[in-house]
Amino acid sequence: MLDKTENTLKDVTALMNEMGEKAAAAAHVLATASTERKHAALVGAAEALRNNIDTILQANAIDMANGTKQGLSKAMLDRLNLTEERILDMANAVSAIAELPDPVGEVMANWDRPNGLNISRVRTPLGVIGVIYESRPNVTADAGSLCLQAGNAVILRGGSDSFNSSRAIHECMVAGLKAANLPENAIQLVPTTDRAAVGEMLKGLNGKIDVIVPRGGRGLVERVQSDARVPVFAHLEGLVHVYVDKSADLDMAANIIIDAKLRRTGICGAAETLLIDKNDAERLAKPLIAALTEKGCEVRGDAAVQALVPNIESAVEEDWSTEYLDSIITVGLVDGISGAIAHINRWSSNHTEAVIAEDAEVVECFMNEIDSAILMHNASTQFADGGEFGMGAEIGIATGKMHARGPVGVEQLTSFKYVVRGNGQIRG
């Protein structure tokens, strides 16, 4: 006889496999759905979000209370928290995605061969996408909308801490699908917090999931990369660096660093390490560190920084590899652009890096010799976001190099096929 655990696992397996079947059927419909119907579904979903702000806030209040009781960190609670403004931002992102060009069917390239064959590379949906995420309930809307616009069905598995919020948002997405007469199963939310559901998704649901997108901390991403039997768009932690060169404008540098670190500390584009050119440290280090501490940011410095600013905490080796997601930053002095590049290439998670400099040669060297997904010049790293890139929203920032890199938006959620047209050619 099966014990309770075996029965539960069996039930979750059956549930997930059924969701996979439904998603595959919906994906078949979406692959040929018109631009107008997808647009109508997204417009309807955005309208439903705006019309259900109170319901979503009530659901989020339950999650916030549970999270506080469970001792979630300040950064995690910030990610989880919804306000009327954030819900409206979410709705506006869905509306923006609705206005993006439909990628499905786009001819990416076209050429003729000497034998008369005409060959086209045509953009196609990926199929069924599994998205596994923690804390951020807005991913429910962002991922659902992006996948739909790219002609994909999606299975969403949100974190247990955002379960109620995600359900309320998901209902709005389904309302949009219904209004456009598209399959409700095009956007599914896993209805259980049982972690066994994640394991089933990583197995691929009997071949029904085409790609997995994890969005969360290192533990989640490493588990997905280790256990997944389907391709993964990896989104690792954001060990984000800002390098201030001796040629930098000090006022600009201070404004950028304050925003990069403190605008929202809990996002993956928040700066975690500040590197300062030691060749002008007297001019740069003290005012930049003072600007951070005045805003309530804890600064941890290496020995060279502490020699200039003795009253700050001492940085240990672990600090250089820590994604704080909090009002803490590590500061070090480096020997010009070469020192900055060496430090970043050693410690970076290949997410986002920024250089603040007026010297064009320094900027060009930074852009050429650092291989992170996003590189910034004289701009806050908090712009590392699909919405800010004009993509409407993103599922995450992919830090790998295969298929998708940087913000994963509509185009990154497609593949392509070759269409070859002839008039009787044979190879012979």
Protein backbone atom coordinates (compact mmCIF):
# COMPACT_ATOMS: atom_id res chain seq x y z
CA MET A 1 0.00 0.00 0.00
CA LEU A 2 1.25 3.53 -0.82
CA ASP A 3 2.02 5.70 2.16
CA LYS A 4 0.82 9.31 2.37
CA THR A 5 4.03 10.68 0.85
CA GLU A 6 3.83 8.31 -2.13
CA ASN A 7 0.16 9.18 -2.63
CA THR A 8 0.99 12.91 -2.57
CA LEU A 9 3.81 12.45 -5.08
CA LYS A 10 1.56 10.41 -7.32
CA ASP A 11 -1.10 13.12 -7.17
CA VAL A 12 1.41 15.88 -7.98
CA THR A 13 2.85 13.87 -10.87
CA ALA A 14 -0.61 13.33 -12.33
CA LEU A 15 -1.49 17.01 -11.86
CA MET A 16 1.67 18.23 -13.54
CA ASN A 17 1.46 15.81 -16.45
CA GLU A 18 -2.12 16.94 -17.04
CA MET A 19 -0.95 20.56 -17.05
CA GLY A 20 1.72 19.62 -19.57
CA GLU A 21 -0.85 18.04 -21.88
CA LYS A 22 -3.08 21.10 -21.66
CA ALA A 23 -0.16 23.44 -22.28
CA ALA A 24 0.94 21.51 -25.36
CA ALA A 25 -2.57 21.67 -26.79
CA ALA A 26 -2.75 25.41 -26.11
CA ALA A 27 0.68 25.96 -27.68
CA HIS A 28 -0.55 24.37 -30.89
CA VAL A 29 -3.36 26.94 -31.06
CA LEU A 30 -1.13 29.87 -30.12
CA ALA A 31 1.43 29.05 -32.79
CA THR A 32 -1.04 30.18 -35.45
CA ALA A 33 -3.09 32.67 -33.41
CA SER A 34 -3.45 36.05 -35.07
CA THR A 35 -1.68 39.13 -33.83
CA GLU A 36 -5.07 40.70 -33.19
CA ARG A 37 -6.23 37.93 -30.84
CA LYS A 38 -3.01 37.96 -28.84
CA HIS A 39 -3.22 41.74 -28.64
CA ALA A 40 -6.82 41.53 -27.42
CA ALA A 41 -5.88 38.99 -24.75
CA LEU A 42 -3.09 41.19 -23.39
CA VAL A 43 -5.22 44.34 -23.45
CA GLY A 44 -7.93 42.43 -21.59
CA ALA A 45 -5.45 41.15 -19.01
CA ALA A 46 -4.09 44.65 -18.41
CA GLU A 47 -7.61 45.95 -17.94
CA ALA A 48 -8.40 43.13 -15.50
CA LEU A 49 -5.29 43.99 -13.46
CA ARG A 50 -6.38 47.63 -13.22
CA ASN A 51 -9.93 46.64 -12.28
CA ASN A 52 -8.86 44.20 -9.57
CA ILE A 53 -6.29 46.22 -7.64
CA ASP A 54 -8.13 45.79 -4.32
CA THR A 55 -8.42 42.03 -4.77
CA ILE A 56 -4.73 41.71 -5.59
CA LEU A 57 -3.73 43.89 -2.64
CA GLN A 58 -5.84 41.77 -0.29
CA ALA A 59 -4.13 38.61 -1.54
CA ASN A 60 -0.74 40.25 -1.22
CA ALA A 61 -1.49 41.33 2.34
CA ILE A 62 -1.91 37.65 3.27
CA ASP A 63 1.45 36.80 1.66
CA MET A 64 3.17 39.73 3.36
CA ALA A 65 1.80 38.73 6.76
CA ASN A 66 2.91 35.13 6.23
CA GLY A 67 6.32 36.29 5.01
CA THR A 68 6.83 38.52 8.02
CA LYS A 69 5.83 35.68 10.32
CA GLN A 70 8.29 33.35 8.56
CA GLY A 71 11.12 35.86 8.96
CA LEU A 72 11.68 36.74 5.31
CA SER A 73 14.50 39.22 4.83
CA LYS A 74 13.86 42.89 4.13
CA ALA A 75 14.95 42.37 0.52
CA MET A 76 12.63 39.39 0.04
CA LEU A 77 9.70 41.28 1.56
CA ASP A 78 10.40 44.19 -0.78
CA ARG A 79 10.30 41.83 -3.76
CA LEU A 80 7.06 40.34 -2.49
CA ASN A 81 5.32 43.59 -1.62
CA LEU A 82 2.69 44.98 -3.99
CA THR A 83 1.30 48.51 -3.89
CA GLU A 84 -1.29 50.17 -6.10
CA GLU A 85 1.57 51.82 -7.99
CA ARG A 86 3.35 48.50 -8.57
CA ILE A 87 0.15 46.85 -9.79
CA LEU A 88 -0.44 49.72 -12.21
CA ASP A 89 3.17 49.39 -13.38
CA MET A 90 2.48 45.69 -13.91
CA ALA A 91 -0.63 46.47 -15.95
CA ASN A 92 1.25 49.08 -17.96
CA ALA A 93 3.96 46.52 -18.73
CA VAL A 94 1.32 44.10 -20.05
CA SER A 95 -0.11 46.91 -22.19
CA ALA A 96 3.39 47.71 -23.49
CA ILE A 97 3.97 44.07 -24.43
CA ALA A 98 0.66 44.08 -26.32
CA GLU A 99 1.99 46.90 -28.50
CA LEU A 100 5.26 45.15 -29.38
CA PRO A 101 5.62 43.77 -32.91
CA ASP A 102 4.42 40.17 -33.18
CA PRO A 103 7.63 38.15 -33.68
CA VAL A 104 5.92 34.99 -34.96
CA GLY A 105 6.32 34.61 -38.69
CA GLU A 106 8.92 37.37 -38.98
CA VAL A 107 11.37 36.69 -41.82
CA MET A 108 14.76 37.07 -40.17
CA ALA A 109 16.74 36.54 -43.39
CA ASN A 110 16.02 35.65 -47.01
CA TRP A 111 18.33 34.68 -49.84
CA ASP A 112 18.42 32.96 -53.23
CA ARG A 113 20.73 30.12 -54.24
CA PRO A 114 22.33 29.76 -57.70
CA ASN A 115 20.05 26.76 -58.36
CA GLY A 116 16.96 28.94 -57.97
CA LEU A 117 16.00 27.86 -54.45
CA ASN A 118 14.70 30.64 -52.19
CA ILE A 119 15.51 30.20 -48.49
CA SER A 120 13.98 32.10 -45.58
CA ARG A 121 14.75 31.96 -41.88
CA VAL A 122 11.40 32.48 -40.13
CA ARG A 123 10.80 33.17 -36.42
CA THR A 124 8.66 30.56 -34.61
CA PRO A 125 7.46 30.02 -31.00
CA LEU A 126 9.48 27.79 -28.70
CA GLY A 127 6.35 25.88 -27.65
CA VAL A 128 5.76 25.34 -23.92
CA ILE A 129 7.86 27.30 -21.45
CA GLY A 130 8.17 26.48 -17.77
CA VAL A 131 8.93 29.44 -15.49
CA ILE A 132 9.99 28.78 -11.90
CA TYR A 133 10.33 31.89 -9.75
CA GLU A 134 10.58 33.09 -6.18
CA SER A 135 8.93 35.97 -4.32
CA ARG A 136 8.19 38.35 -7.19
CA PRO A 137 4.44 38.04 -7.94
CA ASN A 138 4.78 40.44 -10.89
CA VAL A 139 6.59 37.68 -12.80
CA THR A 140 3.19 36.02 -13.14
CA ALA A 141 2.03 38.86 -15.39
CA ASP A 142 5.37 39.59 -17.06
CA ALA A 143 6.15 35.98 -17.98
CA GLY A 144 2.59 35.16 -18.97
CA SER A 145 2.39 38.19 -21.27
CA LEU A 146 5.78 37.73 -22.90
CA CYS A 147 5.18 34.04 -23.57
CA LEU A 148 1.75 34.75 -25.05
CA GLN A 149 3.02 37.52 -27.34
CA ALA A 150 5.71 35.13 -28.61
CA GLY A 151 3.08 32.45 -29.30
CA ASN A 152 4.09 30.16 -26.43
CA ALA A 153 2.08 28.44 -23.74
CA VAL A 154 3.54 28.80 -20.24
CA ILE A 155 3.40 26.90 -16.97
CA LEU A 156 4.18 29.20 -14.05
CA ARG A 157 5.40 27.92 -10.72
CA GLY A 158 5.65 30.83 -8.29
CA GLY A 159 7.16 30.69 -4.84
CA SER A 160 5.10 29.58 -1.86
CA ASP A 161 5.63 33.00 -0.28
CA SER A 162 3.79 34.74 -3.16
CA PHE A 163 1.17 32.04 -3.69
CA ASN A 164 -1.93 34.14 -3.00
CA SER A 165 -0.69 37.19 -4.91
CA SER A 166 0.26 35.12 -7.95
CA ARG A 167 -3.14 33.44 -8.00
CA ALA A 168 -4.94 36.80 -8.00
CA ILE A 169 -2.75 38.07 -10.84
CA HIS A 170 -3.14 34.84 -12.77
CA GLU A 171 -6.91 35.18 -12.69
CA CYS A 172 -6.53 38.50 -14.50
CA MET A 173 -4.36 36.90 -17.17
CA VAL A 174 -6.96 34.18 -17.70
CA ALA A 175 -9.67 36.84 -17.99
CA GLY A 176 -7.74 38.32 -20.89
CA LEU A 177 -7.46 34.95 -22.61
CA LYS A 178 -11.18 34.33 -22.23
CA ALA A 179 -12.03 37.75 -23.66
CA ALA A 180 -9.95 37.02 -26.77
CA ASN A 181 -11.30 33.47 -27.15
CA LEU A 182 -7.85 31.95 -26.68
CA PRO A 183 -7.25 28.75 -24.65
CA GLU A 184 -7.31 29.39 -20.90
CA ASN A 185 -4.53 26.83 -20.57
CA ALA A 186 -2.17 29.08 -22.53
CA ILE A 187 -1.15 30.57 -19.16
CA GLN A 188 -1.30 28.08 -16.28
CA LEU A 189 -0.24 28.58 -12.68
CA VAL A 190 0.75 25.51 -10.67
CA PRO A 191 -2.00 25.31 -8.01
CA THR A 192 0.11 23.72 -5.29
CA THR A 193 3.06 24.80 -3.16
CA ASP A 194 4.34 21.21 -3.04
CA ARG A 195 7.99 21.28 -4.12
CA ALA A 196 7.49 18.01 -5.95
CA ALA A 197 5.84 20.09 -8.68
CA VAL A 198 9.19 21.72 -9.43
CA GLY A 199 10.81 18.32 -9.79
CA GLU A 200 8.16 17.25 -12.27
CA MET A 201 8.69 20.40 -14.33
CA LEU A 202 12.43 19.79 -14.41
CA LYS A 203 11.78 16.31 -15.82
CA GLY A 204 9.97 17.98 -18.72
CA LEU A 205 6.42 16.67 -18.17
CA ASN A 206 6.82 13.78 -20.61
CA GLY A 207 8.43 15.94 -23.24
CA LYS A 208 5.81 18.69 -23.09
CA ILE A 209 8.09 21.47 -21.72
CA ASP A 210 10.53 22.87 -24.28
CA VAL A 211 12.57 25.17 -22.02
CA ILE A 212 12.79 26.11 -18.33
CA VAL A 213 13.40 29.65 -17.10
CA PRO A 214 14.39 29.95 -13.41
CA ARG A 215 14.13 33.32 -11.71
CA GLY A 216 15.34 33.47 -8.15
CA GLY A 217 18.36 33.03 -5.94
CA ARG A 218 21.49 30.97 -6.51
CA GLY A 219 19.99 27.92 -4.78
CA LEU A 220 17.02 27.75 -7.14
CA VAL A 221 19.08 28.37 -10.27
CA GLU A 222 21.73 25.81 -9.33
CA ARG A 223 19.06 23.20 -8.65
CA VAL A 224 17.40 23.87 -12.00
CA GLN A 225 20.69 23.72 -13.88
CA SER A 226 21.65 20.52 -12.09
CA ASP A 227 18.36 18.63 -12.36
CA ALA A 228 16.66 19.89 -15.53
CA ARG A 229 16.27 17.44 -18.41
CA VAL A 230 15.25 20.23 -20.79
CA PRO A 231 17.17 23.36 -21.91
CA VAL A 232 17.50 26.16 -19.33
CA PHE A 233 17.77 29.94 -19.73
CA ALA A 234 20.03 30.54 -16.75
CA HIS A 235 19.57 33.62 -14.59
CA LEU A 236 22.29 33.74 -11.96
CA GLU A 237 22.69 36.26 -9.15
CA GLY A 238 23.58 39.84 -9.92
CA LEU A 239 27.09 40.50 -8.58
CA VAL A 240 26.98 43.92 -10.19
CA HIS A 241 30.08 46.16 -10.32
CA VAL A 242 30.48 49.90 -10.88
CA TYR A 243 33.97 51.16 -11.79
CA VAL A 244 34.75 54.87 -11.34
CA ASP A 245 37.71 55.93 -13.45
CA LYS A 246 40.04 58.85 -12.68
CA SER A 247 38.46 60.62 -15.67
CA ALA A 248 34.97 60.45 -14.14
CA ASP A 249 32.83 63.48 -13.37
CA LEU A 250 32.47 63.31 -9.57
CA ASP A 251 28.91 64.66 -9.34
CA MET A 252 27.73 62.30 -12.07
CA ALA A 253 29.45 59.38 -10.37
CA ALA A 254 27.81 60.13 -7.03
CA ASN A 255 24.32 60.39 -8.56
CA ILE A 256 24.74 57.16 -10.52
CA ILE A 257 26.14 55.16 -7.60
CA ILE A 258 23.39 56.26 -5.20
CA ASP A 259 20.76 55.19 -7.73
CA ALA A 260 22.56 51.98 -8.73
CA LYS A 261 22.84 50.84 -5.12
CA LEU A 262 19.86 52.32 -3.31
CA ARG A 263 16.93 52.97 -5.68
CA ARG A 264 15.80 49.39 -5.06
CA THR A 265 18.30 47.22 -3.24
CA GLY A 266 16.38 43.98 -3.79
CA ILE A 267 16.64 43.77 -7.58
CA CYS A 268 19.29 41.89 -9.52
CA GLY A 269 20.54 45.09 -11.21
CA ALA A 270 21.46 46.73 -7.89
CA ALA A 271 25.17 47.48 -7.55
CA GLU A 272 26.99 45.34 -4.99
CA THR A 273 30.63 46.37 -5.55
CA LEU A 274 32.12 49.81 -6.17
CA LEU A 275 35.62 49.95 -7.66
CA ILE A 276 37.51 53.27 -7.60
CA ASP A 277 40.60 54.18 -9.59
CA LYS A 278 43.43 54.44 -7.05
CA ASN A 279 45.15 57.00 -9.29
CA ASP A 280 42.63 59.63 -8.15
CA ALA A 281 41.41 58.11 -4.94
CA GLU A 282 41.79 61.27 -2.87
CA ARG A 283 39.30 63.12 -5.09
CA LEU A 284 36.88 60.23 -5.58
CA ALA A 285 36.75 57.85 -2.62
CA LYS A 286 35.84 60.11 0.30
CA PRO A 287 32.92 61.98 -1.30
CA LEU A 288 31.52 58.84 -2.94
CA ILE A 289 31.61 56.88 0.30
CA ALA A 290 30.18 59.87 2.19
CA ALA A 291 27.30 60.07 -0.30
CA LEU A 292 26.50 56.39 0.32
CA THR A 293 26.73 56.52 4.11
CA GLU A 294 24.61 59.68 4.26
CA LYS A 295 21.84 57.68 2.54
CA GLY A 296 22.10 54.93 5.14
CA CYS A 297 24.20 52.49 3.13
CA GLU A 298 26.72 50.34 5.00
CA VAL A 299 30.13 50.49 3.30
CA ARG A 300 32.72 47.71 3.59
CA GLY A 301 36.15 48.63 2.25
CA ASP A 302 39.46 46.98 1.50
CA ALA A 303 42.62 48.08 3.32
CA ALA A 304 43.40 50.83 0.82
CA VAL A 305 39.90 52.28 1.16
CA GLN A 306 40.03 52.07 4.95
CA ALA A 307 43.30 54.02 4.92
CA LEU A 308 41.37 56.89 3.30
CA VAL A 309 38.11 56.42 5.21
CA PRO A 310 38.97 54.72 8.55
CA ASN A 311 35.45 54.62 9.99
CA ILE A 312 34.01 52.01 7.60
CA GLU A 313 33.73 48.25 8.01
CA SER A 314 36.52 46.00 6.80
CA ALA A 315 35.73 43.94 3.70
CA VAL A 316 36.50 40.21 3.86
CA GLU A 317 36.94 37.93 0.84
CA GLU A 318 33.34 36.71 1.03
CA ASP A 319 32.07 40.26 0.48
CA TRP A 320 33.41 40.34 -3.08
CA SER A 321 31.17 37.39 -4.01
CA THR A 322 28.04 38.38 -2.08
CA GLU A 323 24.81 39.60 -3.64
CA TYR A 324 23.61 41.64 -0.66
CA LEU A 325 20.21 42.73 -2.00
CA ASP A 326 20.38 45.19 0.87
CA SER A 327 21.81 48.61 1.75
CA ILE A 328 25.37 47.27 1.86
CA ILE A 329 28.15 47.78 -0.69
CA THR A 330 31.78 46.65 -0.91
CA VAL A 331 34.32 49.26 -2.05
CA GLY A 332 37.84 48.65 -3.34
CA LEU A 333 40.64 50.61 -4.98
CA VAL A 334 41.99 49.25 -8.28
CA ASP A 335 44.87 50.25 -10.53
CA GLY A 336 43.00 51.95 -13.35
CA ILE A 337 40.95 50.21 -16.00
CA SER A 338 43.24 47.16 -16.10
CA GLY A 339 42.76 46.61 -12.37
CA ALA A 340 39.01 47.05 -12.68
CA ILE A 341 38.80 44.53 -15.53
CA ALA A 342 40.90 42.00 -13.62
CA HIS A 343 38.72 42.33 -10.51
CA ILE A 344 35.43 42.12 -12.42
CA ASN A 345 36.53 39.14 -14.51
CA ARG A 346 37.46 37.32 -11.30
CA TRP A 347 34.34 38.03 -9.24
CA SER A 348 31.54 38.84 -11.67
CA SER A 349 28.45 36.68 -12.19
CA ASN A 350 28.34 38.06 -15.78
CA HIS A 351 25.11 39.96 -15.16
CA THR A 352 25.70 43.75 -15.36
CA GLU A 353 28.72 46.04 -14.97
CA ALA A 354 29.10 49.81 -15.34
CA VAL A 355 31.97 52.20 -16.03
CA ILE A 356 31.82 55.88 -15.11
CA ALA A 357 34.43 57.68 -17.17
CA GLU A 358 35.00 60.51 -19.64
CA ASP A 359 38.07 58.92 -21.22
CA ALA A 360 36.89 57.25 -24.45
CA GLU A 361 39.81 54.78 -24.48
CA VAL A 362 38.94 53.61 -20.96
CA VAL A 363 35.31 53.11 -21.94
CA GLU A 364 36.23 51.19 -25.09
CA CYS A 365 38.60 48.95 -23.14
CA PHE A 366 35.87 48.23 -20.56
CA MET A 367 33.32 47.36 -23.25
CA ASN A 368 35.73 45.11 -25.15
CA GLU A 369 37.36 43.20 -22.30
CA ILE A 370 34.43 42.45 -20.00
CA ASP A 371 32.02 39.73 -21.09
CA SER A 372 28.96 40.28 -18.91
CA ALA A 373 25.48 40.22 -20.44
CA ILE A 374 24.95 43.98 -19.94
CA LEU A 375 27.59 46.72 -19.91
CA MET A 376 26.76 50.32 -19.00
CA HIS A 377 28.60 53.61 -19.52
CA ASN A 378 27.74 56.62 -17.38
CA ALA A 379 24.36 55.15 -16.42
CA SER A 380 22.81 53.40 -13.42
CA THR A 381 22.90 49.61 -13.38
CA GLN A 382 19.23 49.71 -12.36
CA PHE A 383 18.48 50.16 -16.07
CA ALA A 384 19.34 46.44 -16.47
CA ASP A 385 15.70 45.61 -17.07
CA GLY A 386 13.70 44.46 -20.07
CA GLY A 387 11.13 47.21 -19.62
CA GLU A 388 13.85 49.85 -19.67
CA PHE A 389 15.28 48.22 -22.82
CA GLY A 390 11.95 48.74 -24.59
CA MET A 391 10.94 45.07 -24.33
CA GLY A 392 7.83 45.82 -22.28
CA ALA A 393 9.05 43.48 -19.53
CA GLU A 394 11.32 40.49 -19.09
CA ILE A 395 11.23 37.00 -17.67
CA GLY A 396 14.75 37.47 -16.34
CA ILE A 397 18.32 38.42 -17.21
CA ALA A 398 20.00 35.40 -18.82
CA THR A 399 23.68 35.25 -17.88
CA GLY A 400 24.57 32.27 -20.05
CA LYS A 401 25.69 32.51 -23.68
CA MET A 402 23.44 30.06 -25.50
CA HIS A 403 20.32 31.25 -27.33
CA ALA A 404 19.28 34.07 -24.97
CA ARG A 405 21.49 36.55 -23.15
CA GLY A 406 20.59 39.63 -21.16
CA PRO A 407 16.92 40.55 -20.73
CA VAL A 408 14.73 37.67 -21.92
CA GLY A 409 11.90 39.33 -23.80
CA VAL A 410 9.57 38.41 -26.65
CA GLU A 411 12.22 37.79 -29.32
CA GLN A 412 14.31 35.66 -26.96
CA LEU A 413 11.27 33.41 -26.42
CA THR A 414 11.27 32.32 -30.06
CA SER A 415 13.25 29.98 -32.25
CA PHE A 416 13.26 29.78 -36.04
CA LYS A 417 12.78 27.43 -38.94
CA TYR A 418 13.97 27.44 -42.55
CA VAL A 419 11.43 27.67 -45.34
CA VAL A 420 12.83 26.57 -48.71
CA ARG A 421 10.87 27.28 -51.91
CA GLY A 422 11.70 25.78 -55.27
CA ASN A 423 10.21 25.13 -58.69
CA GLY A 424 11.17 21.54 -59.32
CA GLN A 425 14.87 21.44 -58.33
CA ILE A 426 16.43 18.06 -57.61
CA ARG A 427 19.92 17.39 -56.31
CA GLY A 428 20.55 14.49 -58.66
